[in-house]
Amino acid sequence: MLAIIGGSGLSQLANFEITRRQVIRTPYGEPSGALTFGKIKNHEVIFLARHGYGHTLAPHEINYRANMWALQAQGVVDVVSVASVGGISEEHGPGSIFIPDQIIDYTHGRKATYFEGSEAPVTHVDFTDPYCEKMRQRCMKATLVSGETYVDGGVYAAVQGPRLESRAEINKFERDGANLVGMTGMPEASLARELDLCYAAIAVVVNYAAGRGSSGNGIQFNELSDVIDKSMSRVRLILEHLVEINDD
């Protein structure tokens, strides 16, 4: 089964025929909210709003372990994460869609593994390629069929939040090789790997990162909502095609 994790701007799916909602209890506490079961174009899908259905959870407050465990417990095998990000590369401004292939983790203090505690074995998990290539290919195909352009690949800099970054931090991330910056990419991706979930992300640039483009002198918050609304309408269309490809 496919699960969709919605980020900022995607707390619900207009094209989603809801059949039920279920609160899932996990060994790791409460997920961000109830799992929403339903269909998109007659395909079974589970949806979870990462920040809660009222967008009440800041990135560092999200219980990523509970979220991913709850999805797997309901039979989820494939996961697509939708994320709003800042664009570090000036040639890819607001509205650009990336299907990232790499990630750098700058977060701290988050519960980032299931393999901890005195009774858990020491377990090392390969993370060479943090996103599932099979799901990446499905995302790209769905984006192409939707008539949207996209960037194949990209390095996502996962930061702690909730504050945005300084100009110097963005410069550092670029030197490190990142061209996107967001607050929720980790440990979501690594937890998915620990659970053997086929996980990929659709990252939508909703603003230039600090010091870049129209954010040269600061983030223009008054412009964000319009970009997010328009971008997420495009993402919903992509997801409609994705569910069809998911069953190929």
C-alpha atoms as a PDB file:
ATOM      1  CA  MET A   1       0.000   0.000   0.000  1.00  0.00           C
ATOM      2  CA  LEU A   2       1.055   3.565  -0.678  1.00  0.00           C
ATOM      3  CA  ALA A   3       1.226   6.239   2.009  1.00  0.00           C
ATOM      4  CA  ILE A   4       1.413   9.962   1.361  1.00  0.00           C
ATOM      5  CA  ILE A   5       2.935  12.200   4.015  1.00  0.00           C
ATOM      6  CA  GLY A   6       1.843  15.784   3.532  1.00  0.00           C
ATOM      7  CA  GLY A   7       3.953  18.689   4.703  1.00  0.00           C
ATOM      8  CA  SER A   8       3.286  22.422   4.934  1.00  0.00           C
ATOM      9  CA  GLY A   9       0.480  23.340   2.559  1.00  0.00           C
ATOM     10  CA  LEU A  10      -0.685  19.746   2.118  1.00  0.00           C
ATOM     11  CA  SER A  11      -2.609  18.866   5.265  1.00  0.00           C
ATOM     12  CA  GLN A  12      -5.422  17.390   3.186  1.00  0.00           C
ATOM     13  CA  LEU A  13      -6.036  16.055  -0.305  1.00  0.00           C
ATOM     14  CA  ALA A  14      -8.937  17.512  -2.274  1.00  0.00           C
ATOM     15  CA  ASN A  15      -8.879  14.525  -4.652  1.00  0.00           C
ATOM     16  CA  PHE A  16      -9.003  11.995  -1.793  1.00  0.00           C
ATOM     17  CA  GLU A  17     -12.134   9.913  -1.176  1.00  0.00           C
ATOM     18  CA  ILE A  18     -11.936   9.277   2.574  1.00  0.00           C
ATOM     19  CA  THR A  19     -13.266   5.970   3.875  1.00  0.00           C
ATOM     20  CA  ARG A  20     -12.147   6.112   7.506  1.00  0.00           C
ATOM     21  CA  ARG A  21      -9.730   7.601  10.001  1.00  0.00           C
ATOM     22  CA  GLN A  22      -7.902   5.568  12.595  1.00  0.00           C
ATOM     23  CA  VAL A  23      -5.876   6.551  15.634  1.00  0.00           C
ATOM     24  CA  ILE A  24      -2.845   4.283  15.866  1.00  0.00           C
ATOM     25  CA  ARG A  25      -1.056   3.582  19.138  1.00  0.00           C
ATOM     26  CA  THR A  26       2.649   2.910  18.799  1.00  0.00           C
ATOM     27  CA  PRO A  27       5.499   1.877  21.125  1.00  0.00           C
ATOM     28  CA  TYR A  28       6.987   5.304  20.369  1.00  0.00           C
ATOM     29  CA  GLY A  29       4.069   7.484  21.376  1.00  0.00           C
ATOM     30  CA  GLU A  30       1.482   9.343  19.345  1.00  0.00           C
ATOM     31  CA  PRO A  31       1.822   9.975  15.595  1.00  0.00           C
ATOM     32  CA  SER A  32       1.133  13.436  14.218  1.00  0.00           C
ATOM     33  CA  GLY A  33      -2.532  12.534  13.882  1.00  0.00           C
ATOM     34  CA  ALA A  34      -4.935   9.816  12.908  1.00  0.00           C
ATOM     35  CA  LEU A  35      -4.152   7.944   9.720  1.00  0.00           C
ATOM     36  CA  THR A  36      -6.649   8.768   6.986  1.00  0.00           C
ATOM     37  CA  PHE A  37      -7.600   5.830   4.781  1.00  0.00           C
ATOM     38  CA  GLY A  38      -9.194   6.334   1.408  1.00  0.00           C
ATOM     39  CA  LYS A  39      -8.896   6.199  -2.342  1.00  0.00           C
ATOM     40  CA  ILE A  40      -7.455   8.362  -5.078  1.00  0.00           C
ATOM     41  CA  LYS A  41      -8.830   7.343  -8.472  1.00  0.00           C
ATOM     42  CA  ASN A  42      -9.958   4.068  -6.897  1.00  0.00           C
ATOM     43  CA  HIS A  43      -6.502   3.231  -5.532  1.00  0.00           C
ATOM     44  CA  GLU A  44      -6.108   2.576  -1.803  1.00  0.00           C
ATOM     45  CA  VAL A  45      -3.979   5.215  -0.078  1.00  0.00           C
ATOM     46  CA  ILE A  46      -3.151   6.198   3.485  1.00  0.00           C
ATOM     47  CA  PHE A  47      -2.580   9.889   4.171  1.00  0.00           C
ATOM     48  CA  LEU A  48      -0.844  11.470   7.161  1.00  0.00           C
ATOM     49  CA  ALA A  49      -0.403  15.188   7.795  1.00  0.00           C
ATOM     50  CA  ARG A  50       3.140  15.449   9.114  1.00  0.00           C
ATOM     51  CA  HIS A  51       2.500  18.636  11.101  1.00  0.00           C
ATOM     52  CA  GLY A  52      -0.912  17.512  12.359  1.00  0.00           C
ATOM     53  CA  TYR A  53      -4.217  18.241  10.665  1.00  0.00           C
ATOM     54  CA  GLY A  54      -4.300  21.718  12.176  1.00  0.00           C
ATOM     55  CA  HIS A  55      -0.612  22.323  11.379  1.00  0.00           C
ATOM     56  CA  THR A  56       0.209  22.491  15.087  1.00  0.00           C
ATOM     57  CA  LEU A  57       3.504  20.581  15.201  1.00  0.00           C
ATOM     58  CA  ALA A  58       6.794  22.343  14.526  1.00  0.00           C
ATOM     59  CA  PRO A  59       9.412  20.281  12.651  1.00  0.00           C
ATOM     60  CA  HIS A  60      11.422  19.471  15.783  1.00  0.00           C
ATOM     61  CA  GLU A  61       8.258  18.431  17.659  1.00  0.00           C
ATOM     62  CA  ILE A  62       7.123  15.798  15.155  1.00  0.00           C
ATOM     63  CA  ASN A  63       7.224  12.213  16.400  1.00  0.00           C
ATOM     64  CA  TYR A  64       8.865  10.783  13.307  1.00  0.00           C
ATOM     65  CA  ARG A  65       9.327   7.334  14.823  1.00  0.00           C
ATOM     66  CA  ALA A  66       5.633   7.015  15.672  1.00  0.00           C
ATOM     67  CA  ASN A  67       4.616   8.260  12.223  1.00  0.00           C
ATOM     68  CA  MET A  68       6.703   5.776  10.276  1.00  0.00           C
ATOM     69  CA  TRP A  69       5.978   2.867  12.608  1.00  0.00           C
ATOM     70  CA  ALA A  70       2.217   3.518  12.382  1.00  0.00           C
ATOM     71  CA  LEU A  71       2.333   3.472   8.580  1.00  0.00           C
ATOM     72  CA  GLN A  72       4.279   0.234   8.419  1.00  0.00           C
ATOM     73  CA  ALA A  73       1.948  -1.357  10.976  1.00  0.00           C
ATOM     74  CA  GLN A  74      -0.956  -0.738   8.579  1.00  0.00           C
ATOM     75  CA  GLY A  75       0.712  -2.548   5.719  1.00  0.00           C
ATOM     76  CA  VAL A  76       2.367   0.394   4.000  1.00  0.00           C
ATOM     77  CA  VAL A  77       5.247  -0.563   1.733  1.00  0.00           C
ATOM     78  CA  ASP A  78       5.711   2.592  -0.371  1.00  0.00           C
ATOM     79  CA  VAL A  79       5.886   6.141   0.967  1.00  0.00           C
ATOM     80  CA  VAL A  80       5.992   9.466  -0.839  1.00  0.00           C
ATOM     81  CA  SER A  81       6.785  12.526   1.231  1.00  0.00           C
ATOM     82  CA  VAL A  82       5.677  15.965   0.053  1.00  0.00           C
ATOM     83  CA  ALA A  83       7.855  18.741   1.423  1.00  0.00           C
ATOM     84  CA  SER A  84       8.018  22.521   1.045  1.00  0.00           C
ATOM     85  CA  VAL A  85      11.638  23.632   0.825  1.00  0.00           C
ATOM     86  CA  GLY A  86      13.839  26.636   0.284  1.00  0.00           C
ATOM     87  CA  GLY A  87      15.840  26.856  -2.914  1.00  0.00           C
ATOM     88  CA  ILE A  88      19.574  27.352  -2.552  1.00  0.00           C
ATOM     89  CA  SER A  89      20.326  27.223  -6.286  1.00  0.00           C
ATOM     90  CA  GLU A  90      19.205  30.536  -7.772  1.00  0.00           C
ATOM     91  CA  GLU A  91      18.399  28.923 -11.122  1.00  0.00           C
ATOM     92  CA  HIS A  92      15.613  26.931  -9.439  1.00  0.00           C
ATOM     93  CA  GLY A  93      13.257  29.453  -7.897  1.00  0.00           C
ATOM     94  CA  PRO A  94       9.850  29.184  -6.216  1.00  0.00           C
ATOM     95  CA  GLY A  95       7.609  26.663  -7.924  1.00  0.00           C
ATOM     96  CA  SER A  96      10.453  24.337  -8.916  1.00  0.00           C
ATOM     97  CA  ILE A  97       9.897  20.649  -8.219  1.00  0.00           C
ATOM     98  CA  PHE A  98      12.756  18.390  -7.172  1.00  0.00           C
ATOM     99  CA  ILE A  99      12.883  14.631  -6.737  1.00  0.00           C
ATOM    100  CA  PRO A 100      15.950  14.625  -4.479  1.00  0.00           C
ATOM    101  CA  ASP A 101      18.423  11.768  -4.412  1.00  0.00           C
ATOM    102  CA  GLN A 102      20.659  12.752  -1.498  1.00  0.00           C
ATOM    103  CA  ILE A 103      20.329  14.306   1.940  1.00  0.00           C
ATOM    104  CA  ILE A 104      22.599  15.896   4.536  1.00  0.00           C
ATOM    105  CA  ASP A 105      21.439  15.815   8.146  1.00  0.00           C
ATOM    106  CA  TYR A 106      22.066  18.979  10.187  1.00  0.00           C
ATOM    107  CA  THR A 107      19.366  18.216  12.767  1.00  0.00           C
ATOM    108  CA  HIS A 108      20.102  17.456  16.406  1.00  0.00           C
ATOM    109  CA  GLY A 109      18.341  15.988  19.411  1.00  0.00           C
ATOM    110  CA  ARG A 110      15.678  14.137  17.424  1.00  0.00           C
ATOM    111  CA  LYS A 111      14.790  10.514  18.100  1.00  0.00           C
ATOM    112  CA  ALA A 112      16.425   9.152  14.989  1.00  0.00           C
ATOM    113  CA  THR A 113      16.496   5.352  15.238  1.00  0.00           C
ATOM    114  CA  TYR A 114      14.504   2.315  16.322  1.00  0.00           C
ATOM    115  CA  PHE A 115      17.722   0.524  17.265  1.00  0.00           C
ATOM    116  CA  GLU A 116      18.421   1.870  20.734  1.00  0.00           C
ATOM    117  CA  GLY A 117      18.170   0.724  24.324  1.00  0.00           C
ATOM    118  CA  SER A 118      19.906  -2.024  26.272  1.00  0.00           C
ATOM    119  CA  GLU A 119      17.830  -4.791  24.665  1.00  0.00           C
ATOM    120  CA  ALA A 120      18.278  -3.650  21.074  1.00  0.00           C
ATOM    121  CA  PRO A 121      21.122  -5.151  19.040  1.00  0.00           C
ATOM    122  CA  VAL A 122      23.745  -2.837  17.595  1.00  0.00           C
ATOM    123  CA  THR A 123      22.504  -2.398  14.030  1.00  0.00           C
ATOM    124  CA  HIS A 124      24.087  -0.469  11.192  1.00  0.00           C
ATOM    125  CA  VAL A 125      21.847   0.514   8.273  1.00  0.00           C
ATOM    126  CA  ASP A 126      23.186   1.336   4.815  1.00  0.00           C
ATOM    127  CA  PHE A 127      22.208   4.873   3.828  1.00  0.00           C
ATOM    128  CA  THR A 128      24.410   5.392   0.786  1.00  0.00           C
ATOM    129  CA  ASP A 129      21.394   6.292  -1.302  1.00  0.00           C
ATOM    130  CA  PRO A 130      18.822   7.597   1.169  1.00  0.00           C
ATOM    131  CA  TYR A 131      15.823   7.552  -1.182  1.00  0.00           C
ATOM    132  CA  CYS A 132      14.302   4.465  -2.762  1.00  0.00           C
ATOM    133  CA  GLU A 133      15.151   4.605  -6.462  1.00  0.00           C
ATOM    134  CA  LYS A 134      12.015   2.695  -7.447  1.00  0.00           C
ATOM    135  CA  MET A 135       9.814   5.311  -5.791  1.00  0.00           C
ATOM    136  CA  ARG A 136      11.929   8.155  -7.163  1.00  0.00           C
ATOM    137  CA  GLN A 137      11.324   6.842 -10.676  1.00  0.00           C
ATOM    138  CA  ARG A 138       7.578   6.640 -10.025  1.00  0.00           C
ATOM    139  CA  CYS A 139       7.545  10.217  -8.753  1.00  0.00           C
ATOM    140  CA  MET A 140       9.402  11.450 -11.806  1.00  0.00           C
ATOM    141  CA  LYS A 141       7.154   9.551 -14.192  1.00  0.00           C
ATOM    142  CA  ALA A 142       4.040  10.924 -12.461  1.00  0.00           C
ATOM    143  CA  THR A 143       5.432  14.456 -12.607  1.00  0.00           C
ATOM    144  CA  LEU A 144       6.209  14.112 -16.298  1.00  0.00           C
ATOM    145  CA  VAL A 145       2.764  12.672 -17.102  1.00  0.00           C
ATOM    146  CA  SER A 146       1.244  15.615 -15.204  1.00  0.00           C
ATOM    147  CA  GLY A 147       2.934  17.987 -17.626  1.00  0.00           C
ATOM    148  CA  GLU A 148       5.240  19.394 -14.977  1.00  0.00           C
ATOM    149  CA  THR A 149       8.961  19.938 -15.275  1.00  0.00           C
ATOM    150  CA  TYR A 150      11.158  18.652 -12.497  1.00  0.00           C
ATOM    151  CA  VAL A 151      14.752  18.293 -11.402  1.00  0.00           C
ATOM    152  CA  ASP A 152      16.034  14.723 -11.252  1.00  0.00           C
ATOM    153  CA  GLY A 153      18.139  14.627  -8.110  1.00  0.00           C
ATOM    154  CA  GLY A 154      19.141  17.224  -5.604  1.00  0.00           C
ATOM    155  CA  VAL A 155      20.725  17.354  -2.177  1.00  0.00           C
ATOM    156  CA  TYR A 156      18.329  18.167   0.649  1.00  0.00           C
ATOM    157  CA  ALA A 157      19.865  19.913   3.667  1.00  0.00           C
ATOM    158  CA  ALA A 158      17.749  18.859   6.663  1.00  0.00           C
ATOM    159  CA  VAL A 159      17.896  21.533   9.373  1.00  0.00           C
ATOM    160  CA  GLN A 160      16.518  21.706  12.867  1.00  0.00           C
ATOM    161  CA  GLY A 161      14.059  24.609  12.668  1.00  0.00           C
ATOM    162  CA  PRO A 162      11.731  26.136  13.471  1.00  0.00           C
ATOM    163  CA  ARG A 163      13.780  29.240  12.745  1.00  0.00           C
ATOM    164  CA  LEU A 164      14.955  29.803   9.211  1.00  0.00           C
ATOM    165  CA  GLU A 165      18.611  29.889   8.309  1.00  0.00           C
ATOM    166  CA  SER A 166      21.176  32.675   8.275  1.00  0.00           C
ATOM    167  CA  ARG A 167      22.825  33.766   5.060  1.00  0.00           C
ATOM    168  CA  ALA A 168      26.099  32.211   6.267  1.00  0.00           C
ATOM    169  CA  GLU A 169      24.408  28.885   6.971  1.00  0.00           C
ATOM    170  CA  ILE A 170      22.958  28.757   3.466  1.00  0.00           C
ATOM    171  CA  ASN A 171      26.397  29.531   2.062  1.00  0.00           C
ATOM    172  CA  LYS A 172      27.792  26.637   4.114  1.00  0.00           C
ATOM    173  CA  PHE A 173      25.104  24.254   2.904  1.00  0.00           C
ATOM    174  CA  GLU A 174      25.887  25.177  -0.688  1.00  0.00           C
ATOM    175  CA  ARG A 175      29.589  24.542  -0.117  1.00  0.00           C
ATOM    176  CA  ASP A 176      28.598  21.171   1.326  1.00  0.00           C
ATOM    177  CA  GLY A 177      26.779  20.390  -1.917  1.00  0.00           C
ATOM    178  CA  ALA A 178      23.153  21.055  -0.956  1.00  0.00           C
ATOM    179  CA  ASN A 179      20.707  22.865  -3.233  1.00  0.00           C
ATOM    180  CA  LEU A 180      17.555  22.504  -1.106  1.00  0.00           C
ATOM    181  CA  VAL A 181      16.900  23.233   2.534  1.00  0.00           C
ATOM    182  CA  GLY A 182      14.042  21.948   4.663  1.00  0.00           C
ATOM    183  CA  MET A 183      13.206  20.939   8.226  1.00  0.00           C
ATOM    184  CA  THR A 184      11.503  17.547   7.996  1.00  0.00           C
ATOM    185  CA  GLY A 185      13.648  15.351   5.739  1.00  0.00           C
ATOM    186  CA  MET A 186      15.429  13.708   8.660  1.00  0.00           C
ATOM    187  CA  PRO A 187      15.059  11.429  10.486  1.00  0.00           C
ATOM    188  CA  GLU A 188      12.016  10.560   8.376  1.00  0.00           C
ATOM    189  CA  ALA A 189      14.112   9.161   5.525  1.00  0.00           C
ATOM    190  CA  SER A 190      16.446   7.111   7.710  1.00  0.00           C
ATOM    191  CA  LEU A 191      13.582   5.689   9.790  1.00  0.00           C
ATOM    192  CA  ALA A 192      11.884   4.601   6.573  1.00  0.00           C
ATOM    193  CA  ARG A 193      15.107   2.794   5.629  1.00  0.00           C
ATOM    194  CA  GLU A 194      15.239   1.060   9.010  1.00  0.00           C
ATOM    195  CA  LEU A 195      11.693  -0.213   8.398  1.00  0.00           C
ATOM    196  CA  ASP A 196      12.466  -1.264   4.807  1.00  0.00           C
ATOM    197  CA  LEU A 197       9.930   1.177   3.396  1.00  0.00           C
ATOM    198  CA  CYS A 198      10.388   2.359  -0.195  1.00  0.00           C
ATOM    199  CA  TYR A 199      10.531   6.089   0.521  1.00  0.00           C
ATOM    200  CA  ALA A 200      11.025   9.086  -1.761  1.00  0.00           C
ATOM    201  CA  ALA A 201      10.233  12.788  -1.663  1.00  0.00           C
ATOM    202  CA  ILE A 202       8.637  15.394  -3.866  1.00  0.00           C
ATOM    203  CA  ALA A 203      10.275  18.634  -2.776  1.00  0.00           C
ATOM    204  CA  VAL A 204       8.626  21.863  -3.879  1.00  0.00           C
ATOM    205  CA  VAL A 205      10.599  25.105  -3.688  1.00  0.00           C
ATOM    206  CA  VAL A 206       8.305  27.707  -2.117  1.00  0.00           C
ATOM    207  CA  ASN A 207      10.902  30.421  -1.484  1.00  0.00           C
ATOM    208  CA  TYR A 208      14.507  31.253  -2.109  1.00  0.00           C
ATOM    209  CA  ALA A 209      16.738  30.407   0.826  1.00  0.00           C
ATOM    210  CA  ALA A 210      18.237  33.253   2.881  1.00  0.00           C
ATOM    211  CA  GLY A 211      20.428  35.562   0.850  1.00  0.00           C
ATOM    212  CA  ARG A 212      19.294  34.180  -2.522  1.00  0.00           C
ATOM    213  CA  GLY A 213      17.044  35.662  -5.194  1.00  0.00           C
ATOM    214  CA  SER A 214      14.052  37.512  -3.784  1.00  0.00           C
ATOM    215  CA  SER A 215      15.217  36.508  -0.287  1.00  0.00           C
ATOM    216  CA  GLY A 216      18.414  38.512  -0.696  1.00  0.00           C
ATOM    217  CA  ASN A 217      17.440  40.838   2.137  1.00  0.00           C
ATOM    218  CA  GLY A 218      15.180  38.462   4.042  1.00  0.00           C
ATOM    219  CA  ILE A 219      12.439  35.891   3.510  1.00  0.00           C
ATOM    220  CA  GLN A 220       9.304  37.443   2.006  1.00  0.00           C
ATOM    221  CA  PHE A 221       6.678  35.700   4.146  1.00  0.00           C
ATOM    222  CA  ASN A 222       3.818  37.624   2.535  1.00  0.00           C
ATOM    223  CA  GLU A 223       4.560  35.869  -0.764  1.00  0.00           C
ATOM    224  CA  LEU A 224       4.705  32.326   0.581  1.00  0.00           C
ATOM    225  CA  SER A 225       1.028  31.426   0.920  1.00  0.00           C
ATOM    226  CA  ASP A 226       0.230  32.114  -2.727  1.00  0.00           C
ATOM    227  CA  VAL A 227       3.212  30.081  -3.936  1.00  0.00           C
ATOM    228  CA  ILE A 228       2.357  27.208  -1.589  1.00  0.00           C
ATOM    229  CA  ASP A 229      -1.298  27.118  -2.666  1.00  0.00           C
ATOM    230  CA  LYS A 230      -0.436  27.061  -6.369  1.00  0.00           C
ATOM    231  CA  SER A 231       2.378  24.550  -5.917  1.00  0.00           C
ATOM    232  CA  MET A 232       0.299  22.121  -3.884  1.00  0.00           C
ATOM    233  CA  SER A 233      -2.447  22.175  -6.506  1.00  0.00           C
ATOM    234  CA  ARG A 234       0.175  20.938  -8.947  1.00  0.00           C
ATOM    235  CA  VAL A 235       1.370  18.306  -6.469  1.00  0.00           C
ATOM    236  CA  ARG A 236      -2.173  16.960  -6.040  1.00  0.00           C
ATOM    237  CA  LEU A 237      -2.312  16.340  -9.789  1.00  0.00           C
ATOM    238  CA  ILE A 238       1.043  14.569  -9.635  1.00  0.00           C
ATOM    239  CA  LEU A 239      -0.243  12.332  -6.838  1.00  0.00           C
ATOM    240  CA  GLU A 240      -3.286  11.397  -8.923  1.00  0.00           C
ATOM    241  CA  HIS A 241      -0.940  10.002 -11.563  1.00  0.00           C
ATOM    242  CA  LEU A 242       1.421   8.516  -8.977  1.00  0.00           C
ATOM    243  CA  VAL A 243      -1.203   6.190  -7.518  1.00  0.00           C
ATOM    244  CA  GLU A 244      -1.858   4.744 -10.978  1.00  0.00           C
ATOM    245  CA  ILE A 245       1.844   4.139 -11.581  1.00  0.00           C
ATOM    246  CA  ASN A 246       2.149   2.651  -8.093  1.00  0.00           C
ATOM    247  CA  ASP A 247       0.224  -0.446  -9.177  1.00  0.00           C
ATOM    248  CA  ASP A 248       2.246  -1.088 -12.347  1.00  0.00           C
END
